[in-house]
PDB file of N, CA and C in Angstrom:
ATOM      1  N   MET A   1       4.435  -2.079 -11.190  1.00  0.00           N
ATOM      2  CA  MET A   1       5.751  -2.258 -10.949  1.00  0.00           C
ATOM      3  C   MET A   1       5.557  -3.231  -9.540  1.00  0.00           C
ATOM      4  N   HIS A   2       6.348  -4.211  -9.909  1.00  0.00           N
ATOM      5  CA  HIS A   2       6.369  -5.295  -8.945  1.00  0.00           C
ATOM      6  C   HIS A   2       6.656  -5.098  -7.378  1.00  0.00           C
ATOM      7  N   ARG A   3       5.649  -5.494  -6.447  1.00  0.00           N
ATOM      8  CA  ARG A   3       6.177  -5.520  -5.216  1.00  0.00           C
ATOM      9  C   ARG A   3       6.867  -6.690  -4.682  1.00  0.00           C
ATOM     10  N   PRO A   4       8.025  -6.425  -3.649  1.00  0.00           N
ATOM     11  CA  PRO A   4       8.485  -7.846  -3.301  1.00  0.00           C
ATOM     12  C   PRO A   4       7.557  -8.170  -2.223  1.00  0.00           C
ATOM     13  N   THR A   5       8.057  -9.674  -1.736  1.00  0.00           N
ATOM     14  CA  THR A   5       7.282 -10.161  -0.917  1.00  0.00           C
ATOM     15  C   THR A   5       7.531  -9.772   0.462  1.00  0.00           C
ATOM     16  N   VAL A   6       6.612  -9.664   1.644  1.00  0.00           N
ATOM     17  CA  VAL A   6       6.700  -9.239   2.688  1.00  0.00           C
ATOM     18  C   VAL A   6       6.984 -10.527   3.793  1.00  0.00           C
ATOM     19  N   LEU A   7       8.034 -10.604   4.529  1.00  0.00           N
ATOM     20  CA  LEU A   7       8.227 -11.816   5.393  1.00  0.00           C
ATOM     21  C   LEU A   7       7.931 -11.462   6.807  1.00  0.00           C
ATOM     22  N   LEU A   8       7.000 -11.835   7.558  1.00  0.00           N
ATOM     23  CA  LEU A   8       6.493 -11.484   8.708  1.00  0.00           C
ATOM     24  C   LEU A   8       7.009 -12.540   9.751  1.00  0.00           C
ATOM     25  N   ASP A   9       7.520 -11.809  10.834  1.00  0.00           N
ATOM     26  CA  ASP A   9       8.055 -12.671  11.946  1.00  0.00           C
ATOM     27  C   ASP A   9       7.061 -13.165  12.872  1.00  0.00           C
ATOM     28  N   GLU A  10       7.384 -14.351  13.510  1.00  0.00           N
ATOM     29  CA  GLU A  10       6.234 -14.672  14.180  1.00  0.00           C
ATOM     30  C   GLU A  10       5.397 -14.160  15.063  1.00  0.00           C
ATOM     31  N   GLN A  11       5.724 -13.112  15.758  1.00  0.00           N
ATOM     32  CA  GLN A  11       4.650 -12.479  16.415  1.00  0.00           C
ATOM     33  C   GLN A  11       3.839 -11.655  15.619  1.00  0.00           C
ATOM     34  N   LEU A  12       4.156 -11.308  14.477  1.00  0.00           N
ATOM     35  CA  LEU A  12       3.058 -10.603  13.679  1.00  0.00           C
ATOM     36  C   LEU A  12       2.231 -11.611  13.047  1.00  0.00           C
ATOM     37  N   PHE A  13       1.839 -12.844  13.112  1.00  0.00           N
ATOM     38  CA  PHE A  13       1.119 -13.769  12.543  1.00  0.00           C
ATOM     39  C   PHE A  13      -0.090 -12.908  12.586  1.00  0.00           C
ATOM     40  N   GLY A  14      -1.197 -12.932  11.935  1.00  0.00           N
ATOM     41  CA  GLY A  14      -2.338 -12.212  11.822  1.00  0.00           C
ATOM     42  C   GLY A  14      -2.298 -10.968  10.648  1.00  0.00           C
ATOM     43  N   LEU A  15      -1.287 -10.352  10.754  1.00  0.00           N
ATOM     44  CA  LEU A  15      -0.893  -9.552  10.000  1.00  0.00           C
ATOM     45  C   LEU A  15      -1.056  -9.621   8.240  1.00  0.00           C
ATOM     46  N   ASP A  16      -0.790 -10.625   8.357  1.00  0.00           N
ATOM     47  CA  ASP A  16      -0.510 -11.143   7.150  1.00  0.00           C
ATOM     48  C   ASP A  16      -2.043 -10.723   6.216  1.00  0.00           C
ATOM     49  N   GLU A  17      -2.996 -11.231   6.239  1.00  0.00           N
ATOM     50  CA  GLU A  17      -4.200 -11.099   6.039  1.00  0.00           C
ATOM     51  C   GLU A  17      -4.460  -9.730   5.505  1.00  0.00           C
ATOM     52  N   TYR A  18      -4.188  -8.585   6.744  1.00  0.00           N
ATOM     53  CA  TYR A  18      -4.508  -7.372   6.320  1.00  0.00           C
ATOM     54  C   TYR A  18      -3.536  -6.773   5.428  1.00  0.00           C
ATOM     55  N   LEU A  19      -2.312  -7.154   5.357  1.00  0.00           N
ATOM     56  CA  LEU A  19      -1.547  -6.710   4.087  1.00  0.00           C
ATOM     57  C   LEU A  19      -1.781  -7.485   2.828  1.00  0.00           C
ATOM     58  N   ARG A  20      -2.273  -8.371   2.896  1.00  0.00           N
ATOM     59  CA  ARG A  20      -2.921  -9.075   1.518  1.00  0.00           C
ATOM     60  C   ARG A  20      -3.937  -8.267   1.018  1.00  0.00           C
ATOM     61  N   ASP A  21      -5.030  -7.774   1.751  1.00  0.00           N
ATOM     62  CA  ASP A  21      -6.038  -6.957   1.669  1.00  0.00           C
ATOM     63  C   ASP A  21      -5.606  -5.802   1.237  1.00  0.00           C
ATOM     64  N   LEU A  22      -4.451  -5.428   1.287  1.00  0.00           N
ATOM     65  CA  LEU A  22      -3.819  -3.996   0.691  1.00  0.00           C
ATOM     66  C   LEU A  22      -3.054  -4.154  -0.604  1.00  0.00           C
ATOM     67  N   GLY A  23      -3.009  -5.383  -0.688  1.00  0.00           N
ATOM     68  CA  GLY A  23      -2.211  -5.757  -2.148  1.00  0.00           C
ATOM     69  C   GLY A  23      -0.738  -6.483  -2.168  1.00  0.00           C
ATOM     70  N   TRP A  24      -0.423  -6.540  -1.027  1.00  0.00           N
ATOM     71  CA  TRP A  24       0.835  -7.316  -0.419  1.00  0.00           C
ATOM     72  C   TRP A  24       0.793  -8.505  -0.592  1.00  0.00           C
ATOM     73  N   SER A  25       2.047  -9.231  -1.059  1.00  0.00           N
ATOM     74  CA  SER A  25       2.397 -10.381  -1.131  1.00  0.00           C
ATOM     75  C   SER A  25       3.081 -10.996   0.187  1.00  0.00           C
ATOM     76  N   THR A  26       2.561 -11.670   1.215  1.00  0.00           N
ATOM     77  CA  THR A  26       3.109 -11.995   2.521  1.00  0.00           C
ATOM     78  C   THR A  26       3.675 -13.470   2.054  1.00  0.00           C
ATOM     79  N   THR A  27       4.636 -13.745   3.363  1.00  0.00           N
ATOM     80  CA  THR A  27       4.833 -14.923   3.867  1.00  0.00           C
ATOM     81  C   THR A  27       5.352 -14.804   5.091  1.00  0.00           C
ATOM     82  N   LYS A  28       5.170 -15.983   5.835  1.00  0.00           N
ATOM     83  CA  LYS A  28       5.595 -16.024   7.543  1.00  0.00           C
ATOM     84  C   LYS A  28       6.694 -17.131   7.497  1.00  0.00           C
ATOM     85  N   VAL A  29       7.510 -16.719   8.628  1.00  0.00           N
ATOM     86  CA  VAL A  29       8.750 -17.342   8.859  1.00  0.00           C
ATOM     87  C   VAL A  29       8.232 -18.744   9.755  1.00  0.00           C
ATOM     88  N   THR A  30       8.659 -19.930   9.578  1.00  0.00           N
ATOM     89  CA  THR A  30       8.146 -20.994  10.366  1.00  0.00           C
ATOM     90  C   THR A  30       8.661 -20.770  11.959  1.00  0.00           C
ATOM     91  N   PRO A  31       7.388 -21.164  12.658  1.00  0.00           N
ATOM     92  CA  PRO A  31       7.815 -21.108  14.246  1.00  0.00           C
ATOM     93  C   PRO A  31       8.944 -21.883  14.570  1.00  0.00           C
ATOM     94  N   GLY A  32       9.694 -20.995  15.219  1.00  0.00           N
ATOM     95  CA  GLY A  32      10.998 -21.605  15.766  1.00  0.00           C
ATOM     96  C   GLY A  32      12.434 -21.670  15.147  1.00  0.00           C
ATOM     97  N   ILE A  33      12.013 -21.041  13.798  1.00  0.00           N
ATOM     98  CA  ILE A  33      13.504 -21.127  13.222  1.00  0.00           C
ATOM     99  C   ILE A  33      14.514 -19.964  13.628  1.00  0.00           C
ATOM    100  N   THR A  34      15.903 -20.255  13.548  1.00  0.00           N
ATOM    101  CA  THR A  34      16.853 -19.317  13.963  1.00  0.00           C
ATOM    102  C   THR A  34      16.770 -17.966  13.257  1.00  0.00           C
ATOM    103  N   ASP A  35      17.072 -16.694  13.858  1.00  0.00           N
ATOM    104  CA  ASP A  35      17.431 -15.546  13.202  1.00  0.00           C
ATOM    105  C   ASP A  35      18.190 -15.914  11.897  1.00  0.00           C
ATOM    106  N   ASP A  36      19.440 -16.429  12.187  1.00  0.00           N
ATOM    107  CA  ASP A  36      20.373 -16.690  10.686  1.00  0.00           C
ATOM    108  C   ASP A  36      19.309 -17.345   9.546  1.00  0.00           C
ATOM    109  N   GLU A  37      18.640 -18.303   9.726  1.00  0.00           N
ATOM    110  CA  GLU A  37      17.759 -18.688   8.901  1.00  0.00           C
ATOM    111  C   GLU A  37      16.473 -17.899   8.484  1.00  0.00           C
ATOM    112  N   VAL A  38      16.384 -16.838   9.283  1.00  0.00           N
ATOM    113  CA  VAL A  38      15.437 -15.887   8.861  1.00  0.00           C
ATOM    114  C   VAL A  38      16.008 -14.494   7.757  1.00  0.00           C
ATOM    115  N   VAL A  39      17.481 -14.298   8.257  1.00  0.00           N
ATOM    116  CA  VAL A  39      18.339 -13.592   7.455  1.00  0.00           C
ATOM    117  C   VAL A  39      18.257 -14.457   5.963  1.00  0.00           C
ATOM    118  N   ASN A  40      18.742 -15.507   6.300  1.00  0.00           N
ATOM    119  CA  ASN A  40      19.228 -16.076   4.836  1.00  0.00           C
ATOM    120  C   ASN A  40      18.061 -15.985   4.060  1.00  0.00           C
ATOM    121  N   LEU A  41      16.768 -16.678   4.555  1.00  0.00           N
ATOM    122  CA  LEU A  41      15.849 -16.413   3.645  1.00  0.00           C
ATOM    123  C   LEU A  41      15.291 -15.159   3.117  1.00  0.00           C
ATOM    124  N   ALA A  42      15.194 -14.384   3.830  1.00  0.00           N
ATOM    125  CA  ALA A  42      14.980 -12.822   3.194  1.00  0.00           C
ATOM    126  C   ALA A  42      15.873 -12.619   2.214  1.00  0.00           C
ATOM    127  N   LYS A  43      17.274 -12.755   2.329  1.00  0.00           N
ATOM    128  CA  LYS A  43      18.576 -12.538   1.545  1.00  0.00           C
ATOM    129  C   LYS A  43      18.188 -13.129   0.337  1.00  0.00           C
ATOM    130  N   ASP A  44      18.031 -14.407   0.534  1.00  0.00           N
ATOM    131  CA  ASP A  44      18.026 -15.488  -0.902  1.00  0.00           C
ATOM    132  C   ASP A  44      16.913 -15.044  -1.671  1.00  0.00           C
ATOM    133  N   ASN A  45      15.640 -14.697  -0.874  1.00  0.00           N
ATOM    134  CA  ASN A  45      14.298 -14.366  -1.758  1.00  0.00           C
ATOM    135  C   ASN A  45      13.792 -13.008  -1.852  1.00  0.00           C
ATOM    136  N   LYS A  46      15.013 -12.337  -1.498  1.00  0.00           N
ATOM    137  CA  LYS A  46      14.822 -10.794  -1.502  1.00  0.00           C
ATOM    138  C   LYS A  46      13.219 -10.261  -0.961  1.00  0.00           C
ATOM    139  N   TYR A  47      13.054 -11.004   0.224  1.00  0.00           N
ATOM    140  CA  TYR A  47      11.960 -10.431   0.775  1.00  0.00           C
ATOM    141  C   TYR A  47      12.257  -9.079   1.751  1.00  0.00           C
ATOM    142  N   ILE A  48      11.166  -8.371   2.123  1.00  0.00           N
ATOM    143  CA  ILE A  48      11.353  -7.389   3.184  1.00  0.00           C
ATOM    144  C   ILE A  48      10.898  -7.816   4.472  1.00  0.00           C
ATOM    145  N   VAL A  49      11.457  -7.630   5.456  1.00  0.00           N
ATOM    146  CA  VAL A  49      11.128  -8.427   6.857  1.00  0.00           C
ATOM    147  C   VAL A  49      10.408  -7.281   7.533  1.00  0.00           C
ATOM    148  N   VAL A  50       9.546  -7.627   8.193  1.00  0.00           N
ATOM    149  CA  VAL A  50       8.780  -7.030   9.068  1.00  0.00           C
ATOM    150  C   VAL A  50       8.681  -7.739  10.758  1.00  0.00           C
ATOM    151  N   SER A  51       9.266  -7.259  11.668  1.00  0.00           N
ATOM    152  CA  SER A  51       9.386  -7.709  12.763  1.00  0.00           C
ATOM    153  C   SER A  51       9.291  -6.699  14.126  1.00  0.00           C
ATOM    154  N   LEU A  52       9.061  -7.416  15.463  1.00  0.00           N
ATOM    155  CA  LEU A  52       9.453  -6.662  16.625  1.00  0.00           C
ATOM    156  C   LEU A  52      10.794  -6.768  17.157  1.00  0.00           C
ATOM    157  N   ASP A  53      11.598  -7.798  16.591  1.00  0.00           N
ATOM    158  CA  ASP A  53      12.847  -8.128  17.086  1.00  0.00           C
ATOM    159  C   ASP A  53      13.915  -7.099  16.596  1.00  0.00           C
ATOM    160  N   LYS A  54      14.352  -6.238  17.728  1.00  0.00           N
ATOM    161  CA  LYS A  54      15.368  -5.370  17.250  1.00  0.00           C
ATOM    162  C   LYS A  54      16.863  -6.093  16.735  1.00  0.00           C
ATOM    163  N   LYS A  55      17.318  -7.517  17.441  1.00  0.00           N
ATOM    164  CA  LYS A  55      18.581  -7.698  17.048  1.00  0.00           C
ATOM    165  C   LYS A  55      18.237  -8.388  15.432  1.00  0.00           C
ATOM    166  N   LEU A  56      17.293  -9.148  15.196  1.00  0.00           N
ATOM    167  CA  LEU A  56      17.104  -9.483  13.889  1.00  0.00           C
ATOM    168  C   LEU A  56      17.191  -8.279  12.980  1.00  0.00           C
ATOM    169  N   LEU A  57      16.354  -7.192  13.130  1.00  0.00           N
ATOM    170  CA  LEU A  57      16.237  -6.028  12.360  1.00  0.00           C
ATOM    171  C   LEU A  57      17.394  -5.243  12.103  1.00  0.00           C
ATOM    172  N   SER A  58      18.496  -5.068  13.327  1.00  0.00           N
ATOM    173  CA  SER A  58      19.804  -4.872  13.002  1.00  0.00           C
ATOM    174  C   SER A  58      20.563  -5.804  12.335  1.00  0.00           C
ATOM    175  N   ARG A  59      20.557  -7.038  12.379  1.00  0.00           N
ATOM    176  CA  ARG A  59      21.396  -7.961  11.432  1.00  0.00           C
ATOM    177  C   ARG A  59      20.596  -7.662   9.755  1.00  0.00           C
ATOM    178  N   CYS A  60      19.569  -7.392   9.495  1.00  0.00           N
ATOM    179  CA  CYS A  60      19.302  -7.174   8.202  1.00  0.00           C
ATOM    180  C   CYS A  60      19.677  -6.001   7.800  1.00  0.00           C
ATOM    181  N   ARG A  61      19.617  -5.194   8.624  1.00  0.00           N
ATOM    182  CA  ARG A  61      20.599  -3.672   7.961  1.00  0.00           C
ATOM    183  C   ARG A  61      21.630  -4.162   7.489  1.00  0.00           C
ATOM    184  N   VAL A  62      22.507  -4.479   8.538  1.00  0.00           N
ATOM    185  CA  VAL A  62      23.710  -4.967   8.286  1.00  0.00           C
ATOM    186  C   VAL A  62      23.962  -5.306   6.704  1.00  0.00           C
ATOM    187  N   MET A  63      22.977  -6.392   6.862  1.00  0.00           N
ATOM    188  CA  MET A  63      23.296  -7.457   5.502  1.00  0.00           C
ATOM    189  C   MET A  63      22.416  -6.487   4.231  1.00  0.00           C
ATOM    190  N   GLY A  64      21.944  -5.433   4.378  1.00  0.00           N
ATOM    191  CA  GLY A  64      21.219  -4.738   3.333  1.00  0.00           C
ATOM    192  C   GLY A  64      19.876  -5.234   2.961  1.00  0.00           C
ATOM    193  N   ILE A  65      19.356  -6.179   3.909  1.00  0.00           N
ATOM    194  CA  ILE A  65      17.643  -6.395   3.631  1.00  0.00           C
ATOM    195  C   ILE A  65      16.895  -5.391   4.197  1.00  0.00           C
ATOM    196  N   PRO A  66      15.969  -4.845   3.311  1.00  0.00           N
ATOM    197  CA  PRO A  66      14.864  -3.890   4.071  1.00  0.00           C
ATOM    198  C   PRO A  66      14.072  -4.704   4.757  1.00  0.00           C
ATOM    199  N   SER A  67      13.871  -3.695   6.023  1.00  0.00           N
ATOM    200  CA  SER A  67      13.184  -4.304   6.969  1.00  0.00           C
ATOM    201  C   SER A  67      12.085  -2.940   7.650  1.00  0.00           C
ATOM    202  N   VAL A  68      11.118  -3.532   8.155  1.00  0.00           N
ATOM    203  CA  VAL A  68      10.291  -2.536   8.889  1.00  0.00           C
ATOM    204  C   VAL A  68      10.087  -3.035  10.260  1.00  0.00           C
ATOM    205  N   ASP A  69      10.536  -1.625  11.126  1.00  0.00           N
ATOM    206  CA  ASP A  69      10.240  -2.056  12.518  1.00  0.00           C
ATOM    207  C   ASP A  69       9.144  -1.693  13.217  1.00  0.00           C
ATOM    208  N   LEU A  70       8.459  -3.186  13.640  1.00  0.00           N
ATOM    209  CA  LEU A  70       7.210  -2.646  14.254  1.00  0.00           C
ATOM    210  C   LEU A  70       7.138  -2.533  16.083  1.00  0.00           C
ATOM    211  N   GLY A  71       8.395  -2.320  16.605  1.00  0.00           N
ATOM    212  CA  GLY A  71       8.697  -2.590  17.928  1.00  0.00           C
ATOM    213  C   GLY A  71       7.655  -1.540  18.778  1.00  0.00           C
ATOM    214  N   LEU A  72       7.688  -1.540  20.122  1.00  0.00           N
ATOM    215  CA  LEU A  72       7.085  -0.895  21.179  1.00  0.00           C
ATOM    216  C   LEU A  72       7.390   0.753  20.680  1.00  0.00           C
ATOM    217  N   GLU A  73       8.395   1.255  20.444  1.00  0.00           N
ATOM    218  CA  GLU A  73       8.791   2.298  20.317  1.00  0.00           C
ATOM    219  C   GLU A  73       7.683   3.246  18.963  1.00  0.00           C
ATOM    220  N   VAL A  74       7.770   2.150  17.995  1.00  0.00           N
ATOM    221  CA  VAL A  74       7.222   2.424  16.888  1.00  0.00           C
ATOM    222  C   VAL A  74       5.592   2.502  17.114  1.00  0.00           C
ATOM    223  N   GLN A  75       5.466   1.501  17.716  1.00  0.00           N
ATOM    224  CA  GLN A  75       3.517   1.463  18.304  1.00  0.00           C
ATOM    225  C   GLN A  75       3.502   2.574  19.343  1.00  0.00           C
ATOM    226  N   ALA A  76       4.134   3.057  20.050  1.00  0.00           N
ATOM    227  CA  ALA A  76       3.833   4.064  21.101  1.00  0.00           C
ATOM    228  C   ALA A  76       3.655   5.248  20.276  1.00  0.00           C
ATOM    229  N   LYS A  77       4.246   5.630  19.367  1.00  0.00           N
ATOM    230  CA  LYS A  77       4.312   6.636  18.318  1.00  0.00           C
ATOM    231  C   LYS A  77       3.163   6.670  17.741  1.00  0.00           C
ATOM    232  N   ILE A  78       2.592   5.617  17.037  1.00  0.00           N
ATOM    233  CA  ILE A  78       1.280   5.427  16.039  1.00  0.00           C
ATOM    234  C   ILE A  78       0.204   6.206  17.349  1.00  0.00           C
ATOM    235  N   VAL A  79       0.273   5.147  18.303  1.00  0.00           N
ATOM    236  CA  VAL A  79      -0.993   5.646  19.246  1.00  0.00           C
ATOM    237  C   VAL A  79      -1.006   6.914  19.643  1.00  0.00           C
ATOM    238  N   HIS A  80       0.023   7.636  20.330  1.00  0.00           N
ATOM    239  CA  HIS A  80       0.358   8.916  20.315  1.00  0.00           C
ATOM    240  C   HIS A  80      -0.273   9.783  19.467  1.00  0.00           C
ATOM    241  N   GLU A  81       0.026   9.564  18.199  1.00  0.00           N
ATOM    242  CA  GLU A  81      -0.326  10.360  17.039  1.00  0.00           C
ATOM    243  C   GLU A  81      -1.548  10.268  17.047  1.00  0.00           C
ATOM    244  N   SER A  82      -2.699   9.023  17.237  1.00  0.00           N
ATOM    245  CA  SER A  82      -3.694   8.941  17.082  1.00  0.00           C
ATOM    246  C   SER A  82      -4.301   9.660  17.903  1.00  0.00           C
ATOM    247  N   LEU A  83      -3.996   9.351  19.276  1.00  0.00           N
ATOM    248  CA  LEU A  83      -4.430  10.234  20.306  1.00  0.00           C
ATOM    249  C   LEU A  83      -4.822  11.765  20.156  1.00  0.00           C
ATOM    250  N   GLN A  84      -3.477  12.076  19.586  1.00  0.00           N
ATOM    251  CA  GLN A  84      -3.530  13.781  19.337  1.00  0.00           C
ATOM    252  C   GLN A  84      -4.675  14.146  18.484  1.00  0.00           C
ATOM    253  N   ARG A  85      -4.800  13.065  17.443  1.00  0.00           N
ATOM    254  CA  ARG A  85      -5.816  13.651  16.195  1.00  0.00           C
ATOM    255  C   ARG A  85      -7.149  13.388  16.815  1.00  0.00           C
ATOM    256  N   ILE A  86      -7.433  12.416  17.603  1.00  0.00           N
ATOM    257  CA  ILE A  86      -8.952  12.433  18.574  1.00  0.00           C
ATOM    258  C   ILE A  86      -8.942  13.871  19.208  1.00  0.00           C
ATOM    259  N   ILE A  87      -7.868  13.903  20.088  1.00  0.00           N
ATOM    260  CA  ILE A  87      -8.111  15.308  20.986  1.00  0.00           C
ATOM    261  C   ILE A  87      -8.282  16.358  19.896  1.00  0.00           C
ATOM    262  N   THR A  88      -7.660  16.623  19.187  1.00  0.00           N
ATOM    263  CA  THR A  88      -7.576  17.638  17.892  1.00  0.00           C
ATOM    264  C   THR A  88      -9.081  17.631  17.246  1.00  0.00           C
ATOM    265  N   SER A  89      -9.472  16.710  17.021  1.00  0.00           N
ATOM    266  CA  SER A  89     -10.790  16.662  16.307  1.00  0.00           C
ATOM    267  C   SER A  89     -12.201  16.961  17.342  1.00  0.00           C
ATOM    268  N   GLN A  90     -11.660  17.083  18.930  1.00  0.00           N
ATOM    269  CA  GLN A  90     -12.956  17.216  19.697  1.00  0.00           C
ATOM    270  C   GLN A  90     -12.615  18.701  20.323  1.00  0.00           C
ATOM    271  N   VAL A  91     -11.805  19.197  20.126  1.00  0.00           N
ATOM    272  CA  VAL A  91     -11.506  20.558  20.261  1.00  0.00           C
ATOM    273  C   VAL A  91     -12.153  21.181  19.300  1.00  0.00           C
ATOM    274  N   ARG A  92     -13.357  22.091  19.696  1.00  0.00           N
ATOM    275  CA  ARG A  92     -14.059  23.006  18.754  1.00  0.00           C
ATOM    276  C   ARG A  92     -13.709  24.534  19.009  1.00  0.00           C
ATOM    277  N   PRO A  93     -13.094  25.314  18.454  1.00  0.00           N
ATOM    278  CA  PRO A  93     -13.102  26.887  18.706  1.00  0.00           C
ATOM    279  C   PRO A  93     -14.457  27.460  18.827  1.00  0.00           C
TER     280      PRO A  93
END
C-alpha cells in the first residue's frame, strides 16, 4: 500500500526525521508561506497536513484534506496518558 506524503507545518520541523524513520515520506512547508499556499500545496499534491495551527487544520477539513492536529490539547492528553501509565506501573498490589 502506498502511503501519502506528510506535509509538516513550520512549528514541527525536526519531526520529519522521526516520521521518516517510521517509514513515512515527509516534506516541510517553506517558512513564511501563507495558509492559502499550504492548503493549495496539500490539495494539489494529496498531502496529509500535520500542524499545531487550528485555523489551518480547520481549513484543511473544510477542503477535504486529511490532517493531524498536534496542538496543546492533543499534547496534554498524550502527557496525561503517559503519566497515568507511569503511576499505574509503579503501584504494586
